[in-house]
Amino acid sequence: AARHQMLKMTVQISNQIRGVMKTFGLIV
């Protein structure tokens, strides 16, 4: 369960980074 939760956190953080950068025209 701990590993699964941390995997979800990595996906959430990477998606957050992609979304923030899109706002400024930086497409990852």
mmCIF file of all heavy atoms, coordinates in Angstrom:
data_MODEL
# 
_entry.id   MODEL 
# 
loop_
_atom_site.group_PDB 
_atom_site.id 
_atom_site.type_symbol 
_atom_site.label_atom_id 
_atom_site.label_alt_id 
_atom_site.label_comp_id 
_atom_site.label_asym_id 
_atom_site.label_entity_id 
_atom_site.label_seq_id 
_atom_site.pdbx_PDB_ins_code 
_atom_site.Cartn_x 
_atom_site.Cartn_y 
_atom_site.Cartn_z 
_atom_site.occupancy 
_atom_site.B_iso_or_equiv 
_atom_site.pdbx_formal_charge 
_atom_site.auth_seq_id 
_atom_site.auth_comp_id 
_atom_site.auth_asym_id 
_atom_site.auth_atom_id 
_atom_site.pdbx_PDB_model_num 
ATOM 1   N N   . ALA A 1 1  ? 0.829  -1.213 0.000   1.00 0.00 ? 1  ALA A N   1 
ATOM 2   C CA  . ALA A 1 1  ? 0.000  0.000  0.000   1.00 0.00 ? 1  ALA A CA  1 
ATOM 3   C C   . ALA A 1 1  ? 0.863  1.262  0.000   1.00 0.00 ? 1  ALA A C   1 
ATOM 4   O O   . ALA A 1 1  ? 0.550  2.232  -0.688  1.00 0.00 ? 1  ALA A O   1 
ATOM 5   C CB  . ALA A 1 1  ? -0.928 -0.006 1.211   1.00 0.00 ? 1  ALA A CB  1 
ATOM 6   N N   . ALA A 1 2  ? 1.966  1.247  0.767   1.00 0.00 ? 2  ALA A N   1 
ATOM 7   C CA  . ALA A 1 2  ? 2.846  2.414  0.807   1.00 0.00 ? 2  ALA A CA  1 
ATOM 8   C C   . ALA A 1 2  ? 3.493  2.653  -0.550  1.00 0.00 ? 2  ALA A C   1 
ATOM 9   O O   . ALA A 1 2  ? 3.573  3.795  -1.029  1.00 0.00 ? 2  ALA A O   1 
ATOM 10  C CB  . ALA A 1 2  ? 3.918  2.215  1.875   1.00 0.00 ? 2  ALA A CB  1 
ATOM 11  N N   . ARG A 1 3  ? 3.940  1.576  -1.176  1.00 0.00 ? 3  ARG A N   1 
ATOM 12  C CA  . ARG A 1 3  ? 4.539  1.713  -2.515  1.00 0.00 ? 3  ARG A CA  1 
ATOM 13  C C   . ARG A 1 3  ? 3.517  2.223  -3.518  1.00 0.00 ? 3  ARG A C   1 
ATOM 14  O O   . ARG A 1 3  ? 3.818  3.099  -4.351  1.00 0.00 ? 3  ARG A O   1 
ATOM 15  C CB  . ARG A 1 3  ? 5.096  0.359  -2.961  1.00 0.00 ? 3  ARG A CB  1 
ATOM 16  C CG  . ARG A 1 3  ? 5.697  0.361  -4.355  1.00 0.00 ? 3  ARG A CG  1 
ATOM 17  C CD  . ARG A 1 3  ? 6.188  -1.026 -4.735  1.00 0.00 ? 3  ARG A CD  1 
ATOM 18  N NE  . ARG A 1 3  ? 6.669  -1.071 -6.102  1.00 0.00 ? 3  ARG A NE  1 
ATOM 19  C CZ  . ARG A 1 3  ? 5.873  -1.230 -7.159  1.00 0.00 ? 3  ARG A CZ  1 
ATOM 20  N NH1 . ARG A 1 3  ? 4.556  -1.384 -6.988  1.00 0.00 ? 3  ARG A NH1 1 
ATOM 21  N NH2 . ARG A 1 3  ? 6.376  -1.253 -8.379  1.00 0.00 ? 3  ARG A NH2 1 
ATOM 22  N N   . HIS A 1 4  ? 2.300  1.705  -3.445  1.00 0.00 ? 4  HIS A N   1 
ATOM 23  C CA  . HIS A 1 4  ? 1.241  2.126  -4.367  1.00 0.00 ? 4  HIS A CA  1 
ATOM 24  C C   . HIS A 1 4  ? 0.914  3.613  -4.181  1.00 0.00 ? 4  HIS A C   1 
ATOM 25  O O   . HIS A 1 4  ? 0.737  4.355  -5.156  1.00 0.00 ? 4  HIS A O   1 
ATOM 26  C CB  . HIS A 1 4  ? -0.011 1.279  -4.133  1.00 0.00 ? 4  HIS A CB  1 
ATOM 27  C CG  . HIS A 1 4  ? -1.179 1.666  -4.981  1.00 0.00 ? 4  HIS A CG  1 
ATOM 28  N ND1 . HIS A 1 4  ? -1.214 1.484  -6.349  1.00 0.00 ? 4  HIS A ND1 1 
ATOM 29  C CD2 . HIS A 1 4  ? -2.374 2.240  -4.652  1.00 0.00 ? 4  HIS A CD2 1 
ATOM 30  C CE1 . HIS A 1 4  ? -2.356 1.921  -6.824  1.00 0.00 ? 4  HIS A CE1 1 
ATOM 31  N NE2 . HIS A 1 4  ? -3.076 2.388  -5.821  1.00 0.00 ? 4  HIS A NE2 1 
ATOM 32  N N   . GLN A 1 5  ? 0.849  4.053  -2.927  1.00 0.00 ? 5  GLN A N   1 
ATOM 33  C CA  . GLN A 1 5  ? 0.536  5.452  -2.648  1.00 0.00 ? 5  GLN A CA  1 
ATOM 34  C C   . GLN A 1 5  ? 1.638  6.379  -3.163  1.00 0.00 ? 5  GLN A C   1 
ATOM 35  O O   . GLN A 1 5  ? 1.357  7.439  -3.724  1.00 0.00 ? 5  GLN A O   1 
ATOM 36  C CB  . GLN A 1 5  ? 0.345  5.645  -1.140  1.00 0.00 ? 5  GLN A CB  1 
ATOM 37  C CG  . GLN A 1 5  ? -0.051 7.050  -0.724  1.00 0.00 ? 5  GLN A CG  1 
ATOM 38  C CD  . GLN A 1 5  ? -1.405 7.464  -1.282  1.00 0.00 ? 5  GLN A CD  1 
ATOM 39  O OE1 . GLN A 1 5  ? -2.288 6.643  -1.470  1.00 0.00 ? 5  GLN A OE1 1 
ATOM 40  N NE2 . GLN A 1 5  ? -1.561 8.748  -1.566  1.00 0.00 ? 5  GLN A NE2 1 
ATOM 41  N N   . MET A 1 6  ? 2.879  5.975  -2.985  1.00 0.00 ? 6  MET A N   1 
ATOM 42  C CA  . MET A 1 6  ? 3.983  6.809  -3.448  1.00 0.00 ? 6  MET A CA  1 
ATOM 43  C C   . MET A 1 6  ? 4.073  6.836  -4.969  1.00 0.00 ? 6  MET A C   1 
ATOM 44  O O   . MET A 1 6  ? 4.458  7.851  -5.567  1.00 0.00 ? 6  MET A O   1 
ATOM 45  C CB  . MET A 1 6  ? 5.292  6.333  -2.830  1.00 0.00 ? 6  MET A CB  1 
ATOM 46  C CG  . MET A 1 6  ? 5.316  6.451  -1.315  1.00 0.00 ? 6  MET A CG  1 
ATOM 47  S SD  . MET A 1 6  ? 6.924  6.147  -0.567  1.00 0.00 ? 6  MET A SD  1 
ATOM 48  C CE  . MET A 1 6  ? 7.746  7.688  -0.906  1.00 0.00 ? 6  MET A CE  1 
ATOM 49  N N   . LEU A 1 7  ? 3.695  5.750  -5.622  1.00 0.00 ? 7  LEU A N   1 
ATOM 50  C CA  . LEU A 1 7  ? 3.624  5.762  -7.085  1.00 0.00 ? 7  LEU A CA  1 
ATOM 51  C C   . LEU A 1 7  ? 2.579  6.758  -7.570  1.00 0.00 ? 7  LEU A C   1 
ATOM 52  O O   . LEU A 1 7  ? 2.800  7.484  -8.556  1.00 0.00 ? 7  LEU A O   1 
ATOM 53  C CB  . LEU A 1 7  ? 3.300  4.355  -7.600  1.00 0.00 ? 7  LEU A CB  1 
ATOM 54  C CG  . LEU A 1 7  ? 4.453  3.364  -7.671  1.00 0.00 ? 7  LEU A CG  1 
ATOM 55  C CD1 . LEU A 1 7  ? 3.931  1.981  -8.037  1.00 0.00 ? 7  LEU A CD1 1 
ATOM 56  C CD2 . LEU A 1 7  ? 5.491  3.811  -8.696  1.00 0.00 ? 7  LEU A CD2 1 
ATOM 57  N N   . LYS A 1 8  ? 1.441  6.798  -6.887  1.00 0.00 ? 8  LYS A N   1 
ATOM 58  C CA  . LYS A 1 8  ? 0.410  7.778  -7.231  1.00 0.00 ? 8  LYS A CA  1 
ATOM 59  C C   . LYS A 1 8  ? 0.930  9.203  -7.034  1.00 0.00 ? 8  LYS A C   1 
ATOM 60  O O   . LYS A 1 8  ? 0.622  10.098 -7.830  1.00 0.00 ? 8  LYS A O   1 
ATOM 61  C CB  . LYS A 1 8  ? -0.838 7.548  -6.381  1.00 0.00 ? 8  LYS A CB  1 
ATOM 62  C CG  . LYS A 1 8  ? -1.615 6.289  -6.726  1.00 0.00 ? 8  LYS A CG  1 
ATOM 63  C CD  . LYS A 1 8  ? -2.730 6.023  -5.728  1.00 0.00 ? 8  LYS A CD  1 
ATOM 64  C CE  . LYS A 1 8  ? -3.738 7.137  -5.677  1.00 0.00 ? 8  LYS A CE  1 
ATOM 65  N NZ  . LYS A 1 8  ? -4.839 6.822  -4.733  1.00 0.00 ? 8  LYS A NZ  1 
ATOM 66  N N   . MET A 1 9  ? 1.725  9.410  -5.995  1.00 0.00 ? 9  MET A N   1 
ATOM 67  C CA  . MET A 1 9  ? 2.282  10.730 -5.744  1.00 0.00 ? 9  MET A CA  1 
ATOM 68  C C   . MET A 1 9  ? 3.225  11.157 -6.864  1.00 0.00 ? 9  MET A C   1 
ATOM 69  O O   . MET A 1 9  ? 3.230  12.330 -7.278  1.00 0.00 ? 9  MET A O   1 
ATOM 70  C CB  . MET A 1 9  ? 3.011  10.746 -4.398  1.00 0.00 ? 9  MET A CB  1 
ATOM 71  C CG  . MET A 1 9  ? 2.104  10.623 -3.189  1.00 0.00 ? 9  MET A CG  1 
ATOM 72  S SD  . MET A 1 9  ? 3.019  10.385 -1.642  1.00 0.00 ? 9  MET A SD  1 
ATOM 73  C CE  . MET A 1 9  ? 3.968  11.897 -1.585  1.00 0.00 ? 9  MET A CE  1 
ATOM 74  N N   . THR A 1 10 ? 4.029  10.226 -7.386  1.00 0.00 ? 10 THR A N   1 
ATOM 75  C CA  . THR A 1 10 ? 4.927  10.577 -8.482  1.00 0.00 ? 10 THR A CA  1 
ATOM 76  C C   . THR A 1 10 ? 4.144  10.991 -9.723  1.00 0.00 ? 10 THR A C   1 
ATOM 77  O O   . THR A 1 10 ? 4.517  11.940 -10.420 1.00 0.00 ? 10 THR A O   1 
ATOM 78  C CB  . THR A 1 10 ? 5.855  9.404  -8.831  1.00 0.00 ? 10 THR A CB  1 
ATOM 79  O OG1 . THR A 1 10 ? 5.070  8.263  -9.226  1.00 0.00 ? 10 THR A OG1 1 
ATOM 80  C CG2 . THR A 1 10 ? 6.711  9.009  -7.647  1.00 0.00 ? 10 THR A CG2 1 
ATOM 81  N N   . VAL A 1 11 ? 3.050  10.288 -9.999  1.00 0.00 ? 11 VAL A N   1 
ATOM 82  C CA  . VAL A 1 11 ? 2.213  10.646 -11.153 1.00 0.00 ? 11 VAL A CA  1 
ATOM 83  C C   . VAL A 1 11 ? 1.577  12.012 -10.955 1.00 0.00 ? 11 VAL A C   1 
ATOM 84  O O   . VAL A 1 11 ? 1.545  12.851 -11.870 1.00 0.00 ? 11 VAL A O   1 
ATOM 85  C CB  . VAL A 1 11 ? 1.130  9.571  -11.389 1.00 0.00 ? 11 VAL A CB  1 
ATOM 86  C CG1 . VAL A 1 11 ? 0.173  10.001 -12.496 1.00 0.00 ? 11 VAL A CG1 1 
ATOM 87  C CG2 . VAL A 1 11 ? 1.770  8.232  -11.737 1.00 0.00 ? 11 VAL A CG2 1 
ATOM 88  N N   . GLN A 1 12 ? 1.084  12.278 -9.747  1.00 0.00 ? 12 GLN A N   1 
ATOM 89  C CA  . GLN A 1 12 ? 0.450  13.565 -9.464  1.00 0.00 ? 12 GLN A CA  1 
ATOM 90  C C   . GLN A 1 12 ? 1.439  14.719 -9.599  1.00 0.00 ? 12 GLN A C   1 
ATOM 91  O O   . GLN A 1 12 ? 1.124  15.764 -10.179 1.00 0.00 ? 12 GLN A O   1 
ATOM 92  C CB  . GLN A 1 12 ? -0.153 13.546 -8.060  1.00 0.00 ? 12 GLN A CB  1 
ATOM 93  C CG  . GLN A 1 12 ? -1.353 12.628 -7.913  1.00 0.00 ? 12 GLN A CG  1 
ATOM 94  C CD  . GLN A 1 12 ? -1.814 12.500 -6.469  1.00 0.00 ? 12 GLN A CD  1 
ATOM 95  O OE1 . GLN A 1 12 ? -1.152 12.979 -5.548  1.00 0.00 ? 12 GLN A OE1 1 
ATOM 96  N NE2 . GLN A 1 12 ? -2.946 11.848 -6.265  1.00 0.00 ? 12 GLN A NE2 1 
ATOM 97  N N   . ILE A 1 13 ? 2.650  14.540 -9.078  1.00 0.00 ? 13 ILE A N   1 
ATOM 98  C CA  . ILE A 1 13 ? 3.637  15.615 -9.141  1.00 0.00 ? 13 ILE A CA  1 
ATOM 99  C C   . ILE A 1 13 ? 4.075  15.855 -10.587 1.00 0.00 ? 13 ILE A C   1 
ATOM 100 O O   . ILE A 1 13 ? 4.197  17.006 -11.033 1.00 0.00 ? 13 ILE A O   1 
ATOM 101 C CB  . ILE A 1 13 ? 4.850  15.291 -8.250  1.00 0.00 ? 13 ILE A CB  1 
ATOM 102 C CG1 . ILE A 1 13 ? 4.431  15.252 -6.783  1.00 0.00 ? 13 ILE A CG1 1 
ATOM 103 C CG2 . ILE A 1 13 ? 5.947  16.337 -8.440  1.00 0.00 ? 13 ILE A CG2 1 
ATOM 104 C CD1 . ILE A 1 13 ? 5.538  14.799 -5.841  1.00 0.00 ? 13 ILE A CD1 1 
ATOM 105 N N   . SER A 1 14 ? 4.320  14.774 -11.330 1.00 0.00 ? 14 SER A N   1 
ATOM 106 C CA  . SER A 1 14 ? 4.735  14.950 -12.732 1.00 0.00 ? 14 SER A CA  1 
ATOM 107 C C   . SER A 1 14 ? 3.634  15.618 -13.549 1.00 0.00 ? 14 SER A C   1 
ATOM 108 O O   . SER A 1 14 ? 3.915  16.472 -14.404 1.00 0.00 ? 14 SER A O   1 
ATOM 109 C CB  . SER A 1 14 ? 5.109  13.595 -13.343 1.00 0.00 ? 14 SER A CB  1 
ATOM 110 O OG  . SER A 1 14 ? 3.987  12.729 -13.382 1.00 0.00 ? 14 SER A OG  1 
ATOM 111 N N   . ASN A 1 15 ? 2.385  15.252 -13.293 1.00 0.00 ? 15 ASN A N   1 
ATOM 112 C CA  . ASN A 1 15 ? 1.269  15.900 -13.995 1.00 0.00 ? 15 ASN A CA  1 
ATOM 113 C C   . ASN A 1 15 ? 1.169  17.379 -13.618 1.00 0.00 ? 15 ASN A C   1 
ATOM 114 O O   . ASN A 1 15 ? 0.848  18.229 -14.461 1.00 0.00 ? 15 ASN A O   1 
ATOM 115 C CB  . ASN A 1 15 ? -0.041 15.188 -13.680 1.00 0.00 ? 15 ASN A CB  1 
ATOM 116 C CG  . ASN A 1 15 ? -0.151 13.842 -14.355 1.00 0.00 ? 15 ASN A CG  1 
ATOM 117 O OD1 . ASN A 1 15 ? 0.579  13.549 -15.306 1.00 0.00 ? 15 ASN A OD1 1 
ATOM 118 N ND2 . ASN A 1 15 ? -1.059 13.007 -13.879 1.00 0.00 ? 15 ASN A ND2 1 
ATOM 119 N N   . GLN A 1 16 ? 1.430  17.682 -12.341 1.00 0.00 ? 16 GLN A N   1 
ATOM 120 C CA  . GLN A 1 16 ? 1.417  19.073 -11.902 1.00 0.00 ? 16 GLN A CA  1 
ATOM 121 C C   . GLN A 1 16 ? 2.498  19.879 -12.623 1.00 0.00 ? 16 GLN A C   1 
ATOM 122 O O   . GLN A 1 16 ? 2.257  21.013 -13.070 1.00 0.00 ? 16 GLN A O   1 
ATOM 123 C CB  . GLN A 1 16 ? 1.635  19.133 -10.395 1.00 0.00 ? 16 GLN A CB  1 
ATOM 124 C CG  . GLN A 1 16 ? 1.690  20.535 -9.806  1.00 0.00 ? 16 GLN A CG  1 
ATOM 125 C CD  . GLN A 1 16 ? 0.341  21.237 -9.835  1.00 0.00 ? 16 GLN A CD  1 
ATOM 126 O OE1 . GLN A 1 16 ? -0.685 20.597 -9.990  1.00 0.00 ? 16 GLN A OE1 1 
ATOM 127 N NE2 . GLN A 1 16 ? 0.364  22.557 -9.693  1.00 0.00 ? 16 GLN A NE2 1 
ATOM 128 N N   . ILE A 1 17 ? 3.677  19.307 -12.752 1.00 0.00 ? 17 ILE A N   1 
ATOM 129 C CA  . ILE A 1 17 ? 4.768  19.993 -13.452 1.00 0.00 ? 17 ILE A CA  1 
ATOM 130 C C   . ILE A 1 17 ? 4.400  20.236 -14.910 1.00 0.00 ? 17 ILE A C   1 
ATOM 131 O O   . ILE A 1 17 ? 4.586  21.343 -15.450 1.00 0.00 ? 17 ILE A O   1 
ATOM 132 C CB  . ILE A 1 17 ? 6.064  19.174 -13.338 1.00 0.00 ? 17 ILE A CB  1 
ATOM 133 C CG1 . ILE A 1 17 ? 6.546  19.153 -11.880 1.00 0.00 ? 17 ILE A CG1 1 
ATOM 134 C CG2 . ILE A 1 17 ? 7.147  19.743 -14.244 1.00 0.00 ? 17 ILE A CG2 1 
ATOM 135 C CD1 . ILE A 1 17 ? 7.734  18.235 -11.637 1.00 0.00 ? 17 ILE A CD1 1 
ATOM 136 N N   . ARG A 1 18 ? 3.881  19.213 -15.569 1.00 0.00 ? 18 ARG A N   1 
ATOM 137 C CA  . ARG A 1 18 ? 3.488  19.363 -16.972 1.00 0.00 ? 18 ARG A CA  1 
ATOM 138 C C   . ARG A 1 18 ? 2.418  20.442 -17.134 1.00 0.00 ? 18 ARG A C   1 
ATOM 139 O O   . ARG A 1 18 ? 2.467  21.260 -18.061 1.00 0.00 ? 18 ARG A O   1 
ATOM 140 C CB  . ARG A 1 18 ? 2.958  18.028 -17.513 1.00 0.00 ? 18 ARG A CB  1 
ATOM 141 C CG  . ARG A 1 18 ? 4.015  16.948 -17.662 1.00 0.00 ? 18 ARG A CG  1 
ATOM 142 C CD  . ARG A 1 18 ? 3.375  15.647 -18.114 1.00 0.00 ? 18 ARG A CD  1 
ATOM 143 N NE  . ARG A 1 18 ? 4.326  14.562 -18.220 1.00 0.00 ? 18 ARG A NE  1 
ATOM 144 C CZ  . ARG A 1 18 ? 5.064  14.305 -19.291 1.00 0.00 ? 18 ARG A CZ  1 
ATOM 145 N NH1 . ARG A 1 18 ? 4.950  15.075 -20.366 1.00 0.00 ? 18 ARG A NH1 1 
ATOM 146 N NH2 . ARG A 1 18 ? 5.910  13.285 -19.302 1.00 0.00 ? 18 ARG A NH2 1 
ATOM 147 N N   . GLY A 1 19 ? 1.419  20.434 -16.227 1.00 0.00 ? 19 GLY A N   1 
ATOM 148 C CA  . GLY A 1 19 ? 0.338  21.405 -16.334 1.00 0.00 ? 19 GLY A CA  1 
ATOM 149 C C   . GLY A 1 19 ? 0.814  22.829 -16.122 1.00 0.00 ? 19 GLY A C   1 
ATOM 150 O O   . GLY A 1 19 ? 0.390  23.754 -16.840 1.00 0.00 ? 19 GLY A O   1 
ATOM 151 N N   . VAL A 1 20 ? 1.698  23.028 -15.145 1.00 0.00 ? 20 VAL A N   1 
ATOM 152 C CA  . VAL A 1 20 ? 2.218  24.377 -14.880 1.00 0.00 ? 20 VAL A CA  1 
ATOM 153 C C   . VAL A 1 20 ? 3.022  24.889 -16.073 1.00 0.00 ? 20 VAL A C   1 
ATOM 154 O O   . VAL A 1 20 ? 2.897  26.054 -16.478 1.00 0.00 ? 20 VAL A O   1 
ATOM 155 C CB  . VAL A 1 20 ? 3.085  24.355 -13.595 1.00 0.00 ? 20 VAL A CB  1 
ATOM 156 C CG1 . VAL A 1 20 ? 3.886  25.654 -13.466 1.00 0.00 ? 20 VAL A CG1 1 
ATOM 157 C CG2 . VAL A 1 20 ? 2.208  24.154 -12.370 1.00 0.00 ? 20 VAL A CG2 1 
ATOM 158 N N   . MET A 1 21 ? 3.838  24.049 -16.649 1.00 0.00 ? 21 MET A N   1 
ATOM 159 C CA  . MET A 1 21 ? 4.696  24.481 -17.751 1.00 0.00 ? 21 MET A CA  1 
ATOM 160 C C   . MET A 1 21 ? 3.901  24.745 -19.027 1.00 0.00 ? 21 MET A C   1 
ATOM 161 O O   . MET A 1 21 ? 4.289  25.595 -19.841 1.00 0.00 ? 21 MET A O   1 
ATOM 162 C CB  . MET A 1 21 ? 5.787  23.431 -17.982 1.00 0.00 ? 21 MET A CB  1 
ATOM 163 C CG  . MET A 1 21 ? 6.750  23.291 -16.807 1.00 0.00 ? 21 MET A CG  1 
ATOM 164 S SD  . MET A 1 21 ? 8.054  22.068 -17.040 1.00 0.00 ? 21 MET A SD  1 
ATOM 165 C CE  . MET A 1 21 ? 9.005  22.818 -18.357 1.00 0.00 ? 21 MET A CE  1 
ATOM 166 N N   . LYS A 1 22 ? 2.786  24.026 -19.213 1.00 0.00 ? 22 LYS A N   1 
ATOM 167 C CA  . LYS A 1 22 ? 1.954  24.278 -20.389 1.00 0.00 ? 22 LYS A CA  1 
ATOM 168 C C   . LYS A 1 22 ? 1.417  25.704 -20.396 1.00 0.00 ? 22 LYS A C   1 
ATOM 169 O O   . LYS A 1 22 ? 1.265  26.327 -21.452 1.00 0.00 ? 22 LYS A O   1 
ATOM 170 C CB  . LYS A 1 22 ? 0.782  23.293 -20.416 1.00 0.00 ? 22 LYS A CB  1 
ATOM 171 C CG  . LYS A 1 22 ? 1.125  21.908 -20.911 1.00 0.00 ? 22 LYS A CG  1 
ATOM 172 C CD  . LYS A 1 22 ? -0.110 21.028 -20.905 1.00 0.00 ? 22 LYS A CD  1 
ATOM 173 C CE  . LYS A 1 22 ? 0.224  19.609 -21.327 1.00 0.00 ? 22 LYS A CE  1 
ATOM 174 N NZ  . LYS A 1 22 ? -0.991 18.743 -21.292 1.00 0.00 ? 22 LYS A NZ  1 
ATOM 175 N N   . THR A 1 23 ? 1.103  26.213 -19.204 1.00 0.00 ? 23 THR A N   1 
ATOM 176 C CA  . THR A 1 23 ? 0.564  27.568 -19.095 1.00 0.00 ? 23 THR A CA  1 
ATOM 177 C C   . THR A 1 23 ? 1.516  28.594 -19.703 1.00 0.00 ? 23 THR A C   1 
ATOM 178 O O   . THR A 1 23 ? 1.082  29.624 -20.250 1.00 0.00 ? 23 THR A O   1 
ATOM 179 C CB  . THR A 1 23 ? 0.296  27.913 -17.618 1.00 0.00 ? 23 THR A CB  1 
ATOM 180 O OG1 . THR A 1 23 ? -0.561 26.927 -17.056 1.00 0.00 ? 23 THR A OG1 1 
ATOM 181 C CG2 . THR A 1 23 ? -0.343 29.290 -17.474 1.00 0.00 ? 23 THR A CG2 1 
ATOM 182 N N   . PHE A 1 24 ? 2.819  28.316 -19.638 1.00 0.00 ? 24 PHE A N   1 
ATOM 183 C CA  . PHE A 1 24 ? 3.814  29.253 -20.146 1.00 0.00 ? 24 PHE A CA  1 
ATOM 184 C C   . PHE A 1 24 ? 4.362  28.823 -21.509 1.00 0.00 ? 24 PHE A C   1 
ATOM 185 O O   . PHE A 1 24 ? 5.422  29.282 -21.942 1.00 0.00 ? 24 PHE A O   1 
ATOM 186 C CB  . PHE A 1 24 ? 4.966  29.380 -19.142 1.00 0.00 ? 24 PHE A CB  1 
ATOM 187 C CG  . PHE A 1 24 ? 4.535  29.975 -17.831 1.00 0.00 ? 24 PHE A CG  1 
ATOM 188 C CD1 . PHE A 1 24 ? 4.063  29.166 -16.811 1.00 0.00 ? 24 PHE A CD1 1 
ATOM 189 C CD2 . PHE A 1 24 ? 4.577  31.341 -17.617 1.00 0.00 ? 24 PHE A CD2 1 
ATOM 190 C CE1 . PHE A 1 24 ? 3.661  29.703 -15.599 1.00 0.00 ? 24 PHE A CE1 1 
ATOM 191 C CE2 . PHE A 1 24 ? 4.173  31.888 -16.414 1.00 0.00 ? 24 PHE A CE2 1 
ATOM 192 C CZ  . PHE A 1 24 ? 3.708  31.076 -15.404 1.00 0.00 ? 24 PHE A CZ  1 
ATOM 193 N N   . GLY A 1 25 ? 3.634  27.927 -22.181 1.00 0.00 ? 25 GLY A N   1 
ATOM 194 C CA  . GLY A 1 25 ? 4.025  27.518 -23.517 1.00 0.00 ? 25 GLY A CA  1 
ATOM 195 C C   . GLY A 1 25 ? 5.167  26.534 -23.573 1.00 0.00 ? 25 GLY A C   1 
ATOM 196 O O   . GLY A 1 25 ? 5.760  26.328 -24.637 1.00 0.00 ? 25 GLY A O   1 
ATOM 197 N N   . LEU A 1 26 ? 5.495  25.899 -22.454 1.00 0.00 ? 26 LEU A N   1 
ATOM 198 C CA  . LEU A 1 26 ? 6.580  24.921 -22.408 1.00 0.00 ? 26 LEU A CA  1 
ATOM 199 C C   . LEU A 1 26 ? 5.963  23.523 -22.366 1.00 0.00 ? 26 LEU A C   1 
ATOM 200 O O   . LEU A 1 26 ? 5.477  23.074 -21.334 1.00 0.00 ? 26 LEU A O   1 
ATOM 201 C CB  . LEU A 1 26 ? 7.472  25.157 -21.186 1.00 0.00 ? 26 LEU A CB  1 
ATOM 202 C CG  . LEU A 1 26 ? 8.087  26.559 -21.063 1.00 0.00 ? 26 LEU A CG  1 
ATOM 203 C CD1 . LEU A 1 26 ? 8.884  26.677 -19.775 1.00 0.00 ? 26 LEU A CD1 1 
ATOM 204 C CD2 . LEU A 1 26 ? 8.967  26.860 -22.270 1.00 0.00 ? 26 LEU A CD2 1 
ATOM 205 N N   . ILE A 1 27 ? 5.959  22.849 -23.499 1.00 0.00 ? 27 ILE A N   1 
ATOM 206 C CA  . ILE A 1 27 ? 5.322  21.529 -23.616 1.00 0.00 ? 27 ILE A CA  1 
ATOM 207 C C   . ILE A 1 27 ? 6.369  20.453 -23.380 1.00 0.00 ? 27 ILE A C   1 
ATOM 208 O O   . ILE A 1 27 ? 7.350  20.343 -24.139 1.00 0.00 ? 27 ILE A O   1 
ATOM 209 C CB  . ILE A 1 27 ? 4.677  21.352 -25.003 1.00 0.00 ? 27 ILE A CB  1 
ATOM 210 C CG1 . ILE A 1 27 ? 3.767  22.545 -25.336 1.00 0.00 ? 27 ILE A CG1 1 
ATOM 211 C CG2 . ILE A 1 27 ? 3.906  20.039 -25.051 1.00 0.00 ? 27 ILE A CG2 1 
ATOM 212 C CD1 . ILE A 1 27 ? 2.645  22.769 -24.354 1.00 0.00 ? 27 ILE A CD1 1 
ATOM 213 N N   . VAL A 1 28 ? 6.168  19.679 -22.338 1.00 0.00 ? 28 VAL A N   1 
ATOM 214 C CA  . VAL A 1 28 ? 7.102  18.591 -22.005 1.00 0.00 ? 28 VAL A CA  1 
ATOM 215 C C   . VAL A 1 28 ? 6.763  17.374 -22.859 1.00 0.00 ? 28 VAL A C   1 
ATOM 216 O O   . VAL A 1 28 ? 5.624  16.883 -22.819 1.00 0.00 ? 28 VAL A O   1 
ATOM 217 C CB  . VAL A 1 28 ? 7.016  18.234 -20.514 1.00 0.00 ? 28 VAL A CB  1 
ATOM 218 C CG1 . VAL A 1 28 ? 8.032  17.132 -20.180 1.00 0.00 ? 28 VAL A CG1 1 
ATOM 219 C CG2 . VAL A 1 28 ? 7.276  19.465 -19.651 1.00 0.00 ? 28 VAL A CG2 1 
# 
